C-alpha atoms as a PDB file:
ATOM      1  CA  MET A   1       0.000   0.000   0.000  1.00  0.00           C
ATOM      2  CA  LEU A   2       2.755   2.363   0.944  1.00  0.00           C
ATOM      3  CA  LEU A   3       4.683   1.321  -2.177  1.00  0.00           C
ATOM      4  CA  SER A   4       1.754   2.156  -4.400  1.00  0.00           C
ATOM      5  CA  PHE A   5       1.327   5.516  -2.723  1.00  0.00           C
ATOM      6  CA  ALA A   6       4.996   6.236  -3.155  1.00  0.00           C
ATOM      7  CA  LEU A   7       4.940   5.343  -6.832  1.00  0.00           C
ATOM      8  CA  LEU A   8       1.909   7.556  -7.475  1.00  0.00           C
ATOM      9  CA  PHE A   9       3.522  10.447  -5.585  1.00  0.00           C
ATOM     10  CA  THR A  10       6.797  10.030  -7.437  1.00  0.00           C
ATOM     11  CA  ASP A  11       5.080   9.796 -10.847  1.00  0.00           C
ATOM     12  CA  LYS A  12       2.940  12.878 -10.176  1.00  0.00           C
ATOM     13  CA  TYR A  13       5.583  15.228  -8.818  1.00  0.00           C
ATOM     14  CA  THR A  14       8.773  13.966 -10.500  1.00  0.00           C
ATOM     15  CA  ASP A  15       9.971  12.683 -13.900  1.00  0.00           C
ATOM     16  CA  LYS A  16      11.969   9.778 -12.545  1.00  0.00           C
ATOM     17  CA  LEU A  17       9.388   7.171 -13.582  1.00  0.00           C
ATOM     18  CA  LYS A  18       8.862   8.604 -17.108  1.00  0.00           C
ATOM     19  CA  PRO A  19      11.330   6.184 -18.805  1.00  0.00           C
ATOM     20  CA  LEU A  20       9.720   3.256 -16.977  1.00  0.00           C
ATOM     21  CA  ARG A  21       6.232   4.426 -18.030  1.00  0.00           C
ATOM     22  CA  SER A  22       7.335   4.691 -21.671  1.00  0.00           C
ATOM     23  CA  LEU A  23       8.840   1.211 -21.565  1.00  0.00           C
ATOM     24  CA  LEU A  24       5.701  -0.265 -20.058  1.00  0.00           C
ATOM     25  CA  SER A  25       3.476   1.442 -22.672  1.00  0.00           C
ATOM     26  CA  VAL A  26       5.547  -0.109 -25.433  1.00  0.00           C
ATOM     27  CA  LEU A  27       5.293  -3.544 -23.832  1.00  0.00           C
ATOM     28  CA  VAL A  28       1.544  -3.257 -23.200  1.00  0.00           C
ATOM     29  CA  TYR A  29       0.583  -1.854 -26.644  1.00  0.00           C
ATOM     30  CA  PRO A  30       0.551  -5.244 -28.486  1.00  0.00           C
ATOM     31  CA  ILE A  31      -1.671  -6.706 -25.786  1.00  0.00           C
ATOM     32  CA  GLN A  32      -3.994  -3.704 -25.944  1.00  0.00           C
ATOM     33  CA  TYR A  33      -4.094  -3.954 -29.759  1.00  0.00           C
ATOM     34  CA  LEU A  34      -5.000  -7.649 -29.604  1.00  0.00           C
ATOM     35  CA  VAL A  35      -7.691  -7.003 -27.035  1.00  0.00           C
ATOM     36  CA  ASP A  36      -9.273  -4.223 -29.171  1.00  0.00           C
ATOM     37  CA  MET A  37      -8.945  -6.116 -32.473  1.00  0.00           C
ATOM     38  CA  PRO A  38     -12.249  -8.126 -32.325  1.00  0.00           C
ATOM     39  CA  THR A  39     -14.272  -4.987 -31.565  1.00  0.00           C
ATOM     40  CA  ARG A  40     -12.546  -3.044 -34.302  1.00  0.00           C
ATOM     41  CA  LEU A  41     -13.030  -5.865 -36.830  1.00  0.00           C
ATOM     42  CA  VAL A  42     -16.722  -6.107 -36.035  1.00  0.00           C
ATOM     43  CA  GLN A  43     -17.158  -2.348 -36.399  1.00  0.00           C
ATOM     44  CA  ASP A  44     -15.233  -2.279 -39.697  1.00  0.00           C
ATOM     45  CA  THR A  45     -17.303  -5.172 -41.020  1.00  0.00           C
ATOM     46  CA  VAL A  46     -20.563  -3.437 -40.101  1.00  0.00           C
ATOM     47  CA  ASP A  47     -19.402  -0.210 -41.739  1.00  0.00           C
ATOM     48  CA  SER A  48     -18.311  -2.073 -44.882  1.00  0.00           C
ATOM     49  CA  LEU A  49     -21.599  -3.949 -45.183  1.00  0.00           C
ATOM     50  CA  GLY A  50     -23.536  -0.723 -44.681  1.00  0.00           C
ATOM     51  CA  SER A  51     -21.503   1.043 -47.368  1.00  0.00           C
ATOM     52  CA  TYR A  52     -21.943  -1.914 -49.735  1.00  0.00           C
ATOM     53  CA  ASP A  53     -25.725  -1.899 -49.257  1.00  0.00           C
ATOM     54  CA  GLU A  54     -25.805   1.853 -49.869  1.00  0.00           C
ATOM     55  CA  LEU A  55     -23.744   1.432 -53.026  1.00  0.00           C
ATOM     56  CA  LEU A  56     -26.051  -1.331 -54.273  1.00  0.00           C
ATOM     57  CA  SER A  57     -29.091   0.821 -53.582  1.00  0.00           C
ATOM     58  CA  GLU A  58     -27.580   3.848 -55.310  1.00  0.00           C
ATOM     59  CA  ASN A  59     -26.471   1.722 -58.249  1.00  0.00           C
ATOM     60  CA  THR A  60     -30.005   0.351 -58.657  1.00  0.00           C
ATOM     61  CA  ILE A  61     -31.460   3.870 -58.561  1.00  0.00           C
ATOM     62  CA  PHE A  62     -28.929   5.138 -61.099  1.00  0.00           C
ATOM     63  CA  LYS A  63     -29.647   2.214 -63.437  1.00  0.00           C
ATOM     64  CA  ARG A  64     -33.373   2.918 -63.295  1.00  0.00           C
ATOM     65  CA  GLN A  65     -32.801   6.615 -63.932  1.00  0.00           C
ATOM     66  CA  GLN A  66     -30.525   5.778 -66.852  1.00  0.00           C
ATOM     67  CA  LEU A  67     -33.141   3.427 -68.311  1.00  0.00           C
ATOM     68  CA  ILE A  68     -35.821   6.109 -68.043  1.00  0.00           C
ATOM     69  CA  SER A  69     -33.497   8.713 -69.552  1.00  0.00           C
ATOM     70  CA  ASN A  70     -32.597   6.414 -72.468  1.00  0.00           C
ATOM     71  CA  ALA A  71     -36.290   5.717 -73.119  1.00  0.00           C
ATOM     72  CA  LYS A  72     -37.008   9.459 -73.131  1.00  0.00           C
ATOM     73  CA  LEU A  73     -34.128  10.041 -75.539  1.00  0.00           C
ATOM     74  CA  LEU A  74     -35.514   7.386 -77.876  1.00  0.00           C
ATOM     75  CA  LYS A  75     -38.919   9.056 -77.754  1.00  0.00           C
ATOM     76  CA  PHE A  76     -37.378  12.457 -78.417  1.00  0.00           C
ATOM     77  CA  ALA A  77     -35.513  11.013 -81.406  1.00  0.00           C
ATOM     78  CA  ALA A  78     -38.754   9.537 -82.771  1.00  0.00           C
ATOM     79  CA  LEU A  79     -40.574  12.846 -82.239  1.00  0.00           C
ATOM     80  CA  GLU A  80     -37.768  14.720 -83.973  1.00  0.00           C
ATOM     81  CA  LYS A  81     -37.971  12.448 -87.016  1.00  0.00           C
ATOM     82  CA  GLU A  82     -41.767  12.734 -87.055  1.00  0.00           C
ATOM     83  CA  ASN A  83     -41.463  16.504 -86.899  1.00  0.00           C
ATOM     84  CA  ILE A  84     -39.068  16.446 -89.856  1.00  0.00           C
ATOM     85  CA  ARG A  85     -41.499  14.301 -91.866  1.00  0.00           C
ATOM     86  CA  LEU A  86     -44.431  16.589 -91.054  1.00  0.00           C
ATOM     87  CA  ARG A  87     -42.433  19.656 -92.020  1.00  0.00           C
ATOM     88  CA  ALA A  88     -41.555  18.021 -95.332  1.00  0.00           C
ATOM     89  CA  LEU A  89     -45.222  17.208 -95.934  1.00  0.00           C
ATOM     90  CA  LEU A  90     -46.317  20.747 -95.172  1.00  0.00           C
ATOM     91  CA  ASP A  91     -43.593  22.166 -97.390  1.00  0.00           C
ATOM     92  CA  SER A  92     -44.818  19.914-100.210  1.00  0.00           C
ATOM     93  CA  SER A  93     -48.395  21.074 -99.729  1.00  0.00           C
ATOM     94  CA  PHE A  94     -47.396  24.726 -99.898  1.00  0.00           C
ATOM     95  CA  LYS A  95     -45.418  24.135-103.077  1.00  0.00           C
ATOM     96  CA  LEU A  96     -48.296  22.285-104.691  1.00  0.00           C
ATOM     97  CA  GLY A  97     -50.799  24.975-103.802  1.00  0.00           C
ATOM     98  CA  GLU A  98     -53.544  22.410-103.242  1.00  0.00           C
ATOM     99  CA  GLN A  99     -55.877  21.983-100.284  1.00  0.00           C
ATOM    100  CA  VAL A 100     -54.528  19.028 -98.307  1.00  0.00           C
ATOM    101  CA  LEU A 101     -55.144  16.993 -95.161  1.00  0.00           C
ATOM    102  CA  VAL A 102     -52.372  15.208 -93.277  1.00  0.00           C
ATOM    103  CA  ALA A 103     -53.322  11.619 -92.357  1.00  0.00           C
ATOM    104  CA  GLU A 104     -51.385   9.015 -90.411  1.00  0.00           C
ATOM    105  CA  LEU A 105     -50.980   5.400 -91.512  1.00  0.00           C
ATOM    106  CA  ILE A 106     -52.663   2.984 -89.083  1.00  0.00           C
ATOM    107  CA  SER A 107     -52.657  -0.382 -90.889  1.00  0.00           C
ATOM    108  CA  VAL A 108     -51.457  -2.206 -93.985  1.00  0.00           C
ATOM    109  CA  ASN A 109     -53.249  -4.916 -95.951  1.00  0.00           C
ATOM    110  CA  LEU A 110     -50.966  -7.944 -95.896  1.00  0.00           C
ATOM    111  CA  ALA A 111     -52.783  -9.891 -98.623  1.00  0.00           C
ATOM    112  CA  PRO A 112     -50.402 -10.944-101.442  1.00  0.00           C
ATOM    113  CA  TYR A 113     -50.364  -8.579-104.438  1.00  0.00           C
ATOM    114  CA  GLU A 114     -52.848  -6.216-102.753  1.00  0.00           C
ATOM    115  CA  HIS A 115     -51.219  -2.934-101.857  1.00  0.00           C
ATOM    116  CA  VAL A 116     -53.811  -1.210 -99.679  1.00  0.00           C
ATOM    117  CA  VAL A 117     -53.275   0.891 -96.543  1.00  0.00           C
ATOM    118  CA  VAL A 118     -55.622   2.505 -94.024  1.00  0.00           C
ATOM    119  CA  VAL A 119     -55.224   6.038 -92.635  1.00  0.00           C
ATOM    120  CA  ASN A 120     -56.804   7.721 -89.615  1.00  0.00           C
ATOM    121  CA  LYS A 121     -58.821  10.328 -91.531  1.00  0.00           C
ATOM    122  CA  GLY A 122     -62.210   9.560 -93.086  1.00  0.00           C
ATOM    123  CA  SER A 123     -65.446  11.081 -94.358  1.00  0.00           C
ATOM    124  CA  ARG A 124     -65.831  13.082 -91.134  1.00  0.00           C
ATOM    125  CA  PHE A 125     -62.904  15.153 -92.375  1.00  0.00           C
ATOM    126  CA  GLY A 126     -64.304  15.435 -95.892  1.00  0.00           C
ATOM    127  CA  VAL A 127     -62.319  12.552 -97.373  1.00  0.00           C
ATOM    128  CA  HIS A 128     -64.041  10.793-100.273  1.00  0.00           C
ATOM    129  CA  ALA A 129     -63.308   8.020-102.751  1.00  0.00           C
ATOM    130  CA  GLY A 130     -61.091   8.920-105.700  1.00  0.00           C
ATOM    131  CA  GLN A 131     -58.931  11.533-103.961  1.00  0.00           C
ATOM    132  CA  PRO A 132     -55.222  11.454-104.790  1.00  0.00           C
ATOM    133  CA  VAL A 133     -52.801  10.723-101.957  1.00  0.00           C
ATOM    134  CA  LEU A 134     -49.103  11.585-101.856  1.00  0.00           C
ATOM    135  CA  ASP A 135     -46.138  12.039 -99.565  1.00  0.00           C
ATOM    136  CA  GLU A 136     -43.343  14.613 -99.725  1.00  0.00           C
ATOM    137  CA  ASN A 137     -41.760  12.740-102.664  1.00  0.00           C
ATOM    138  CA  GLY A 138     -44.649  12.005-104.976  1.00  0.00           C
ATOM    139  CA  ILE A 139     -47.863  10.125-105.678  1.00  0.00           C
ATOM    140  CA  VAL A 140     -48.726   7.311-103.245  1.00  0.00           C
ATOM    141  CA  GLY A 141     -52.158   6.234-104.513  1.00  0.00           C
ATOM    142  CA  GLN A 142     -55.790   7.225-104.219  1.00  0.00           C
ATOM    143  CA  VAL A 143     -58.659   6.807-101.782  1.00  0.00           C
ATOM    144  CA  THR A 144     -60.925   3.845-102.595  1.00  0.00           C
ATOM    145  CA  LYS A 145     -63.192   3.843 -99.548  1.00  0.00           C
ATOM    146  CA  ALA A 146     -63.932   6.531 -96.960  1.00  0.00           C
ATOM    147  CA  LEU A 147     -65.551   5.648 -93.634  1.00  0.00           C
ATOM    148  CA  PRO A 148     -66.309   8.190 -90.891  1.00  0.00           C
ATOM    149  CA  LEU A 149     -63.064   7.604 -88.957  1.00  0.00           C
ATOM    150  CA  ASN A 150     -60.685   6.143 -91.542  1.00  0.00           C
ATOM    151  CA  ALA A 151     -60.101   5.612 -95.231  1.00  0.00           C
ATOM    152  CA  GLU A 152     -58.605   2.921 -97.459  1.00  0.00           C
ATOM    153  CA  ILE A 153     -55.952   3.887 -99.977  1.00  0.00           C
ATOM    154  CA  ILE A 154     -54.846   1.772-102.922  1.00  0.00           C
ATOM    155  CA  LEU A 155     -51.174   2.252-103.716  1.00  0.00           C
ATOM    156  CA  ILE A 156     -49.966   2.907-107.256  1.00  0.00           C
ATOM    157  CA  THR A 157     -48.016  -0.388-107.125  1.00  0.00           C
ATOM    158  CA  ASP A 158     -51.195  -2.457-106.702  1.00  0.00           C
ATOM    159  CA  PRO A 159     -51.758  -4.605-109.853  1.00  0.00           C
ATOM    160  CA  ASN A 160     -55.323  -3.281-110.095  1.00  0.00           C
ATOM    161  CA  HIS A 161     -54.243   0.348-110.201  1.00  0.00           C
ATOM    162  CA  ALA A 162     -53.370   2.408-113.280  1.00  0.00           C
ATOM    163  CA  ILE A 163     -52.415   6.059-113.455  1.00  0.00           C
ATOM    164  CA  PRO A 164     -52.168   8.351-116.506  1.00  0.00           C
ATOM    165  CA  ILE A 165     -48.669   9.813-116.708  1.00  0.00           C
ATOM    166  CA  GLN A 166     -46.388  11.721-119.022  1.00  0.00           C
ATOM    167  CA  VAL A 167     -42.642  11.983-119.476  1.00  0.00           C
ATOM    168  CA  ASN A 168     -41.584  15.238-117.935  1.00  0.00           C
ATOM    169  CA  ARG A 169     -38.805  15.715-120.481  1.00  0.00           C
ATOM    170  CA  ASN A 170     -40.951  15.643-123.627  1.00  0.00           C
ATOM    171  CA  GLY A 171     -44.614  15.331-122.581  1.00  0.00           C
ATOM    172  CA  LEU A 172     -45.048  11.770-123.909  1.00  0.00           C
ATOM    173  CA  HIS A 173     -48.314  10.343-122.534  1.00  0.00           C
ATOM    174  CA  THR A 174     -48.847   6.774-121.351  1.00  0.00           C
ATOM    175  CA  ILE A 175     -50.213   4.737-118.437  1.00  0.00           C
ATOM    176  CA  ALA A 176     -48.318   3.259-115.493  1.00  0.00           C
ATOM    177  CA  ILE A 177     -49.669   0.060-113.955  1.00  0.00           C
ATOM    178  CA  GLY A 178     -48.831  -1.467-110.586  1.00  0.00           C
ATOM    179  CA  SER A 179     -46.593  -4.518-110.689  1.00  0.00           C
ATOM    180  CA  GLY A 180     -47.457  -6.019-107.308  1.00  0.00           C
ATOM    181  CA  GLN A 181     -43.988  -5.052-106.074  1.00  0.00           C
ATOM    182  CA  SER A 182     -43.547  -2.057-103.804  1.00  0.00           C
ATOM    183  CA  ASN A 183     -40.657  -0.605-105.815  1.00  0.00           C
ATOM    184  CA  LYS A 184     -41.798  -1.120-109.402  1.00  0.00           C
ATOM    185  CA  LEU A 185     -44.290   0.253-111.915  1.00  0.00           C
ATOM    186  CA  ILE A 186     -44.800  -1.072-115.437  1.00  0.00           C
ATOM    187  CA  LEU A 187     -45.346   0.998-118.589  1.00  0.00           C
ATOM    188  CA  PRO A 188     -46.843  -1.628-120.921  1.00  0.00           C
ATOM    189  CA  PHE A 189     -48.141   0.465-123.820  1.00  0.00           C
ATOM    190  CA  LEU A 190     -45.101   2.209-125.307  1.00  0.00           C
ATOM    191  CA  PRO A 191     -43.600   1.033-128.623  1.00  0.00           C
ATOM    192  CA  ASN A 192     -39.975   0.056-129.057  1.00  0.00           C
ATOM    193  CA  ASN A 193     -39.135   3.393-130.676  1.00  0.00           C
ATOM    194  CA  ALA A 194     -40.717   5.522-127.926  1.00  0.00           C
ATOM    195  CA  ASP A 195     -38.734   8.582-126.872  1.00  0.00           C
ATOM    196  CA  ILE A 196     -38.112   7.515-123.280  1.00  0.00           C
ATOM    197  CA  VAL A 197     -34.833   6.724-121.560  1.00  0.00           C
ATOM    198  CA  THR A 198     -33.560   5.521-118.204  1.00  0.00           C
ATOM    199  CA  GLY A 199     -33.695   8.327-115.657  1.00  0.00           C
ATOM    200  CA  ASP A 200     -36.709  10.116-117.170  1.00  0.00           C
ATOM    201  CA  LEU A 201     -39.064  11.559-114.567  1.00  0.00           C
ATOM    202  CA  LEU A 202     -42.687  10.515-114.930  1.00  0.00           C
ATOM    203  CA  ILE A 203     -45.390  12.893-113.687  1.00  0.00           C
ATOM    204  CA  THR A 204     -49.177  12.858-113.603  1.00  0.00           C
ATOM    205  CA  SER A 205     -50.678  13.999-116.876  1.00  0.00           C
ATOM    206  CA  GLY A 206     -53.975  15.227-115.429  1.00  0.00           C
ATOM    207  CA  LEU A 207     -55.972  13.084-117.855  1.00  0.00           C
ATOM    208  CA  GLY A 208     -58.987  11.339-116.346  1.00  0.00           C
ATOM    209  CA  GLY A 209     -59.560  14.094-113.792  1.00  0.00           C
ATOM    210  CA  VAL A 210     -58.359  12.106-110.773  1.00  0.00           C
ATOM    211  CA  PHE A 211     -54.750  13.213-110.365  1.00  0.00           C
ATOM    212  CA  PRO A 212     -53.936  16.879-110.993  1.00  0.00           C
ATOM    213  CA  GLN A 213     -51.216  17.449-113.551  1.00  0.00           C
ATOM    214  CA  GLY A 214     -47.581  17.702-112.500  1.00  0.00           C
ATOM    215  CA  TYR A 215     -47.265  15.375-109.490  1.00  0.00           C
ATOM    216  CA  PRO A 216     -44.080  13.230-109.531  1.00  0.00           C
ATOM    217  CA  VAL A 217     -44.913   9.542-109.951  1.00  0.00           C
ATOM    218  CA  ALA A 218     -41.783   7.534-110.808  1.00  0.00           C
ATOM    219  CA  VAL A 219     -38.382   7.486-112.480  1.00  0.00           C
ATOM    220  CA  VAL A 220     -37.654   5.167-115.394  1.00  0.00           C
ATOM    221  CA  GLU A 221     -35.249   2.408-114.353  1.00  0.00           C
ATOM    222  CA  SER A 222     -35.065   0.193-117.416  1.00  0.00           C
ATOM    223  CA  PHE A 223     -36.046   0.207-121.099  1.00  0.00           C
ATOM    224  CA  VAL A 224     -35.800  -3.069-123.004  1.00  0.00           C
ATOM    225  CA  GLU A 225     -36.794  -3.231-126.686  1.00  0.00           C
ATOM    226  CA  GLN A 226     -38.633  -6.307-127.984  1.00  0.00           C
ATOM    227  CA  PRO A 227     -38.182  -6.466-131.774  1.00  0.00           C
ATOM    228  CA  ASP A 228     -40.622  -9.381-132.097  1.00  0.00           C
ATOM    229  CA  LYS A 229     -43.322  -7.596-130.102  1.00  0.00           C
ATOM    230  CA  PRO A 230     -45.118  -4.258-130.554  1.00  0.00           C
ATOM    231  CA  PHE A 231     -44.306  -2.865-127.121  1.00  0.00           C
ATOM    232  CA  ALA A 232     -41.108  -2.433-125.136  1.00  0.00           C
ATOM    233  CA  VAL A 233     -40.622  -3.608-121.529  1.00  0.00           C
ATOM    234  CA  ILE A 234     -40.321  -0.473-119.418  1.00  0.00           C
ATOM    235  CA  GLU A 235     -40.048  -0.393-115.638  1.00  0.00           C
ATOM    236  CA  ALA A 236     -40.016   2.594-113.311  1.00  0.00           C
ATOM    237  CA  LYS A 237     -39.415   3.133-109.595  1.00  0.00           C
ATOM    238  CA  PRO A 238     -41.981   5.193-107.648  1.00  0.00           C
ATOM    239  CA  THR A 239     -40.648   8.454-106.239  1.00  0.00           C
ATOM    240  CA  ALA A 240     -42.829   8.129-103.115  1.00  0.00           C
ATOM    241  CA  ALA A 241     -41.475   6.180-100.127  1.00  0.00           C
ATOM    242  CA  LEU A 242     -44.246   3.595-100.214  1.00  0.00           C
ATOM    243  CA  ASN A 243     -42.628   1.287 -97.657  1.00  0.00           C
ATOM    244  CA  THR A 244     -41.611   3.892 -95.076  1.00  0.00           C
ATOM    245  CA  SER A 245     -44.056   6.798 -95.200  1.00  0.00           C
ATOM    246  CA  ARG A 246     -46.141   7.124 -92.027  1.00  0.00           C
ATOM    247  CA  GLU A 247     -47.793  10.455 -92.755  1.00  0.00           C
ATOM    248  CA  LEU A 248     -49.611  11.010 -96.049  1.00  0.00           C
ATOM    249  CA  LEU A 249     -51.284  13.946 -97.769  1.00  0.00           C
ATOM    250  CA  ILE A 250     -54.857  13.591 -98.984  1.00  0.00           C
ATOM    251  CA  VAL A 251     -55.362  16.189-101.696  1.00  0.00           C
ATOM    252  CA  TRP A 252     -58.298  18.278-102.853  1.00  0.00           C
ATOM    253  CA  SER A 253     -57.555  19.541-106.342  1.00  0.00           C
ATOM    254  CA  ASN A 254     -59.880  22.534-106.122  1.00  0.00           C
ATOM    255  CA  ASN A 255     -60.392  25.487-103.793  1.00  0.00           C
ATOM    256  CA  GLU A 256     -63.595  24.266-102.150  1.00  0.00           C
ATOM    257  CA  VAL A 257     -63.671  24.184 -98.363  1.00  0.00           C
ATOM    258  CA  ILE A 258     -63.294  20.677 -96.968  1.00  0.00           C
ATOM    259  CA  PRO A 259     -66.818  19.544 -95.927  1.00  0.00           C
ATOM    260  CA  LEU A 260     -66.587  18.077 -92.436  1.00  0.00           C
ATOM    261  CA  GLY A 261     -68.948  15.189 -91.810  1.00  0.00           C
ATOM    262  CA  LYS A 262     -70.378  13.903 -88.553  1.00  0.00           C
ATOM    263  CA  LEU A 263     -70.023  10.661 -86.650  1.00  0.00           C
ATOM    264  CA  PRO A 264     -72.991   8.244 -86.845  1.00  0.00           C
ATOM    265  CA  SER A 265     -73.742   8.936 -83.157  1.00  0.00           C
ATOM    266  CA  GLU A 266     -73.842  12.686 -83.831  1.00  0.00           C
ATOM    267  CA  GLN A 267     -76.122  12.192 -86.830  1.00  0.00           C
ATOM    268  CA  GLN A 268     -78.501  10.079 -84.723  1.00  0.00           C
ATOM    269  CA  SER A 269     -78.618  12.707 -81.963  1.00  0.00           C
ATOM    270  CA  ASP A 270     -79.414  15.412 -84.551  1.00  0.00           C
ATOM    271  CA  SER A 271     -82.278  13.356 -85.968  1.00  0.00           C
ATOM    272  CA  ASP A 272     -83.685  12.864 -82.463  1.00  0.00           C
END
């Protein structure tokens, strides 16, 4: 007891025990480190697991945000392209000087050799059978049936469709008939000595009163003479993008106001 008191007194009021205290601290440190190691390891493990869970959670959130952002970018890209197409259509309508209605493609007839599409504008918007239809590049076809909410359009490549045309270079008149292929028209009624060459632009002639004169129709791709037959084999490629166009122009070839129709339900309510 007295020894302990003496050591405490000496350590407090003198520096004689300082070397001994330093030596003892060095000797005790490894033991203290070993004693504290389990607690420290447990704490480090808990902190690491917590950080890992936070990283996983943040990574999941970032992935979801990236997915949403990518989807929005895709939509913006689609809207940008649609805007470009609509601008091209409107520019074409202004150049043509005709009264037009923009319609969107909603379905395609998949029957073999029948090239018919359906658009989302019908008789309620004044659409009627026989109207010419085009895109920003040229003639697409004509309306064959108009219902209140939609209309059927036969494409110029349908085998049952024929369109009066003329060669833009020299005014030569003939008829172009659908081949059943989306990228080919046939000119079956020109003789072997006809003044027509590959690359000639074919436009509507205005004959028949369906298609106004001057609309681009096709470009001649091949001219093959047949000496043993009265007519040459002539093929042309449509200028319109028949396989890719989503927005089409339905054309009125006069200055009359488009007569808007009514839905059957509206007509019934009026009659009541």
